[in-house]
Every structure is written in C-alpha cells, then in structure tokens.
Amino acid sequence: SKEADLEEVKKAFRVLSMQTHPDVASDKSQEGRFKQISEAYRVLSNKRERKLYDYEVEQATLFGGLRRAPKDAGFGPDGRPW
C-alpha cells in the first residue's frame, strides 16, 4: 500500500524475491518478474526515490496518465500521433 513503511516493503520484497529469484524459481519466465520486484524495492526503499515516484503517480492520476512518447515511434499510447 502507499502507506507501507520501510519494514513492510522489505518484508514483501523478501517474500516475493524468494518466490521469483531465478536460482529458486523453477519457471524461468519469473526472471523478468524478479527484475521488476527488485527495481520496485530499489525505488521504494529509498526515501528520495519513493517521494519522486509518489509524486509522479499523483500527477499521472490528476492528468489522466503519463503521456510520454516512445523514442522510436511517433505515436502515443492510444495510437494517435504526438
């Protein structure tokens, strides 16, 4: 949850990483999930990064989502040209 403190984030990371770590998980498709979990933990365990993340989520919510253009395409997420 957004209100989770560092200990809760750490506990959730440990549980999820034990389930998805490439050395432990029998399903190799879990490697991508493990990378996502690791990145989320990196952001959420750093006060400055978490504050920035929370701000970006808040702004996206207020303004209907992030509308960043893919670097190699001239189209937005809805398929319309930028």
N, C-alpha and C. Protein backbone atom coordinates (compact mmCIF):
# COMPACT_ATOMS: atom_id res chain seq x y z
N SER A 1 0.84 -1.19 0.00
CA SER A 1 0.00 0.00 0.00
C SER A 1 0.88 1.24 0.00
N LYS A 2 0.30 2.36 -0.34
CA LYS A 2 1.05 3.61 -0.40
C LYS A 2 1.59 4.00 0.98
N GLU A 3 0.91 3.56 2.02
CA GLU A 3 1.31 3.92 3.38
C GLU A 3 2.31 2.94 3.98
N ALA A 4 2.73 1.94 3.25
CA ALA A 4 3.64 0.92 3.78
C ALA A 4 4.96 1.56 4.21
N ASP A 5 5.41 1.19 5.42
CA ASP A 5 6.69 1.71 5.87
C ASP A 5 7.82 0.84 5.32
N LEU A 6 9.05 1.22 5.60
CA LEU A 6 10.20 0.52 5.04
C LEU A 6 10.24 -0.95 5.45
N GLU A 7 9.86 -1.26 6.67
CA GLU A 7 9.86 -2.65 7.13
C GLU A 7 8.85 -3.50 6.36
N GLU A 8 7.68 -2.94 6.08
CA GLU A 8 6.67 -3.67 5.31
C GLU A 8 7.14 -3.90 3.87
N VAL A 9 7.78 -2.89 3.29
CA VAL A 9 8.31 -3.02 1.93
C VAL A 9 9.39 -4.09 1.90
N LYS A 10 10.27 -4.06 2.89
CA LYS A 10 11.35 -5.04 2.96
C LYS A 10 10.81 -6.46 3.11
N LYS A 11 9.81 -6.61 3.97
CA LYS A 11 9.21 -7.94 4.19
C LYS A 11 8.56 -8.46 2.91
N ALA A 12 7.81 -7.61 2.22
CA ALA A 12 7.15 -8.01 0.97
C ALA A 12 8.20 -8.37 -0.09
N PHE A 13 9.28 -7.59 -0.16
CA PHE A 13 10.33 -7.87 -1.12
C PHE A 13 10.96 -9.24 -0.85
N ARG A 14 11.24 -9.53 0.39
CA ARG A 14 11.85 -10.82 0.72
C ARG A 14 10.95 -11.99 0.30
N VAL A 15 9.67 -11.88 0.59
CA VAL A 15 8.74 -12.96 0.23
C VAL A 15 8.68 -13.13 -1.28
N LEU A 16 8.49 -12.03 -2.00
CA LEU A 16 8.37 -12.11 -3.46
C LEU A 16 9.67 -12.52 -4.13
N SER A 17 10.79 -12.04 -3.61
CA SER A 17 12.06 -12.41 -4.23
C SER A 17 12.39 -13.88 -4.02
N MET A 18 11.98 -14.44 -2.90
CA MET A 18 12.19 -15.87 -2.66
C MET A 18 11.36 -16.71 -3.63
N GLN A 19 10.22 -16.20 -4.04
CA GLN A 19 9.35 -16.93 -4.96
C GLN A 19 9.80 -16.81 -6.42
N THR A 20 10.45 -15.70 -6.75
CA THR A 20 10.73 -15.41 -8.17
C THR A 20 12.21 -15.40 -8.53
N HIS A 21 13.10 -15.54 -7.56
CA HIS A 21 14.54 -15.49 -7.86
C HIS A 21 14.89 -16.58 -8.87
N PRO A 22 15.67 -16.25 -9.89
CA PRO A 22 16.00 -17.22 -10.94
C PRO A 22 16.69 -18.49 -10.42
N ASP A 23 17.42 -18.39 -9.34
CA ASP A 23 18.09 -19.57 -8.79
C ASP A 23 17.14 -20.48 -8.03
N VAL A 24 15.97 -19.96 -7.67
CA VAL A 24 15.00 -20.72 -6.86
C VAL A 24 13.78 -21.14 -7.68
N ALA A 25 13.26 -20.23 -8.48
CA ALA A 25 12.03 -20.48 -9.23
C ALA A 25 12.27 -21.51 -10.33
N SER A 26 11.38 -22.48 -10.43
CA SER A 26 11.51 -23.50 -11.47
C SER A 26 11.07 -22.95 -12.83
N ASP A 27 10.21 -21.94 -12.82
CA ASP A 27 9.71 -21.32 -14.04
C ASP A 27 10.65 -20.18 -14.44
N LYS A 28 11.35 -20.33 -15.53
CA LYS A 28 12.33 -19.33 -15.96
C LYS A 28 11.69 -18.00 -16.38
N SER A 29 10.40 -18.01 -16.63
CA SER A 29 9.73 -16.76 -17.00
C SER A 29 9.62 -15.83 -15.80
N GLN A 30 9.92 -16.31 -14.62
CA GLN A 30 9.87 -15.49 -13.41
C GLN A 30 11.05 -14.52 -13.32
N GLU A 31 12.05 -14.70 -14.17
CA GLU A 31 13.22 -13.83 -14.11
C GLU A 31 12.85 -12.36 -14.34
N GLY A 32 11.98 -12.12 -15.32
CA GLY A 32 11.53 -10.75 -15.59
C GLY A 32 10.76 -10.17 -14.42
N ARG A 33 9.93 -10.98 -13.81
CA ARG A 33 9.17 -10.55 -12.63
C ARG A 33 10.12 -10.22 -11.48
N PHE A 34 11.16 -11.04 -11.30
CA PHE A 34 12.15 -10.79 -10.25
C PHE A 34 12.83 -9.44 -10.48
N LYS A 35 13.16 -9.13 -11.72
CA LYS A 35 13.79 -7.84 -12.03
C LYS A 35 12.86 -6.68 -11.71
N GLN A 36 11.57 -6.84 -12.01
CA GLN A 36 10.59 -5.79 -11.68
C GLN A 36 10.49 -5.60 -10.17
N ILE A 37 10.44 -6.69 -9.45
CA ILE A 37 10.34 -6.63 -7.99
C ILE A 37 11.58 -5.96 -7.41
N SER A 38 12.75 -6.30 -7.93
CA SER A 38 14.00 -5.71 -7.45
C SER A 38 14.03 -4.20 -7.71
N GLU A 39 13.58 -3.79 -8.88
CA GLU A 39 13.54 -2.35 -9.21
C GLU A 39 12.54 -1.62 -8.31
N ALA A 40 11.40 -2.23 -8.09
CA ALA A 40 10.40 -1.61 -7.20
C ALA A 40 10.97 -1.46 -5.80
N TYR A 41 11.66 -2.47 -5.31
CA TYR A 41 12.26 -2.39 -3.98
C TYR A 41 13.32 -1.29 -3.93
N ARG A 42 14.12 -1.19 -4.99
CA ARG A 42 15.16 -0.15 -5.05
C ARG A 42 14.53 1.24 -4.92
N VAL A 43 13.44 1.46 -5.61
CA VAL A 43 12.77 2.76 -5.57
C VAL A 43 12.07 2.99 -4.23
N LEU A 44 11.32 1.99 -3.78
CA LEU A 44 10.52 2.18 -2.58
C LEU A 44 11.32 2.19 -1.28
N SER A 45 12.52 1.66 -1.30
CA SER A 45 13.34 1.65 -0.09
C SER A 45 14.21 2.90 0.04
N ASN A 46 14.21 3.74 -0.97
CA ASN A 46 14.97 4.99 -0.96
C ASN A 46 13.98 6.14 -0.78
N LYS A 47 14.12 6.89 0.31
CA LYS A 47 13.13 7.94 0.61
C LYS A 47 12.97 8.95 -0.51
N ARG A 48 14.07 9.39 -1.07
CA ARG A 48 14.01 10.40 -2.14
C ARG A 48 13.34 9.83 -3.39
N GLU A 49 13.74 8.62 -3.79
CA GLU A 49 13.16 7.98 -4.97
C GLU A 49 11.67 7.71 -4.77
N ARG A 50 11.31 7.28 -3.57
CA ARG A 50 9.91 6.98 -3.30
C ARG A 50 9.06 8.24 -3.35
N LYS A 51 9.59 9.32 -2.84
CA LYS A 51 8.86 10.59 -2.87
C LYS A 51 8.63 11.02 -4.32
N LEU A 52 9.64 10.87 -5.15
CA LEU A 52 9.52 11.22 -6.56
C LEU A 52 8.51 10.30 -7.25
N TYR A 53 8.57 9.01 -6.96
CA TYR A 53 7.63 8.05 -7.53
C TYR A 53 6.20 8.41 -7.12
N ASP A 54 5.97 8.67 -5.84
CA ASP A 54 4.64 9.03 -5.37
C ASP A 54 4.13 10.29 -6.06
N TYR A 55 5.03 11.27 -6.28
CA TYR A 55 4.64 12.50 -6.96
C TYR A 55 4.24 12.21 -8.40
N GLU A 56 5.03 11.39 -9.10
CA GLU A 56 4.71 11.07 -10.50
C GLU A 56 3.39 10.32 -10.62
N VAL A 57 3.13 9.41 -9.69
CA VAL A 57 1.86 8.68 -9.72
C VAL A 57 0.70 9.64 -9.47
N GLU A 58 0.90 10.55 -8.53
CA GLU A 58 -0.15 11.54 -8.23
C GLU A 58 -0.43 12.41 -9.44
N GLN A 59 0.62 12.87 -10.11
CA GLN A 59 0.45 13.71 -11.29
C GLN A 59 -0.23 12.93 -12.42
N ALA A 60 0.15 11.68 -12.60
CA ALA A 60 -0.47 10.86 -13.64
C ALA A 60 -1.95 10.68 -13.35
N THR A 61 -2.30 10.51 -12.10
CA THR A 61 -3.69 10.35 -11.71
C THR A 61 -4.48 11.63 -11.97
N LEU A 62 -3.87 12.75 -11.64
CA LEU A 62 -4.55 14.04 -11.83
C LEU A 62 -4.77 14.37 -13.30
N PHE A 63 -3.80 14.02 -14.12
CA PHE A 63 -3.85 14.44 -15.52
C PHE A 63 -4.13 13.30 -16.49
N GLY A 64 -4.68 12.22 -16.02
CA GLY A 64 -5.13 11.14 -16.90
C GLY A 64 -4.05 10.21 -17.40
N GLY A 65 -2.96 10.11 -16.69
CA GLY A 65 -1.91 9.16 -17.08
C GLY A 65 -0.73 9.85 -17.72
N LEU A 66 0.39 9.17 -17.68
CA LEU A 66 1.60 9.70 -18.29
C LEU A 66 1.49 9.55 -19.79
N ARG A 67 1.92 10.55 -20.51
CA ARG A 67 1.82 10.54 -21.96
C ARG A 67 3.20 10.76 -22.58
N ARG A 68 4.14 9.91 -22.24
CA ARG A 68 5.48 10.03 -22.80
C ARG A 68 5.54 9.28 -24.13
N ALA A 69 6.16 9.91 -25.09
CA ALA A 69 6.28 9.29 -26.41
C ALA A 69 7.40 8.27 -26.42
N PRO A 70 7.16 7.11 -27.02
CA PRO A 70 8.25 6.16 -27.21
C PRO A 70 9.31 6.79 -28.10
N LYS A 71 10.58 6.54 -27.81
CA LYS A 71 11.66 7.18 -28.56
C LYS A 71 11.68 6.79 -30.03
N ASP A 72 11.30 5.57 -30.34
CA ASP A 72 11.41 5.10 -31.71
C ASP A 72 10.10 5.19 -32.50
N ALA A 73 9.08 5.76 -31.90
CA ALA A 73 7.79 5.86 -32.58
C ALA A 73 7.27 7.28 -32.47
N GLY A 74 6.41 7.63 -33.35
CA GLY A 74 5.82 8.95 -33.30
C GLY A 74 4.39 8.92 -32.80
N PHE A 75 4.06 7.88 -32.05
CA PHE A 75 2.69 7.71 -31.61
C PHE A 75 2.60 7.55 -30.11
N GLY A 76 1.51 8.02 -29.54
CA GLY A 76 1.26 7.89 -28.12
C GLY A 76 0.68 6.53 -27.78
N PRO A 77 0.42 6.29 -26.49
CA PRO A 77 -0.11 5.00 -26.06
C PRO A 77 -1.48 4.67 -26.63
N ASP A 78 -2.23 5.70 -27.07
CA ASP A 78 -3.54 5.46 -27.65
C ASP A 78 -3.49 5.28 -29.17
N GLY A 79 -2.26 5.29 -29.74
CA GLY A 79 -2.10 5.07 -31.17
C GLY A 79 -2.16 6.32 -32.01
N ARG A 80 -2.49 7.45 -31.42
CA ARG A 80 -2.56 8.70 -32.17
C ARG A 80 -1.18 9.34 -32.23
N PRO A 81 -0.87 10.07 -33.31
CA PRO A 81 0.43 10.74 -33.42
C PRO A 81 0.58 11.80 -32.32
N TRP A 82 1.80 11.99 -31.88
CA TRP A 82 2.07 13.04 -30.89
C TRP A 82 1.95 14.34 -31.54
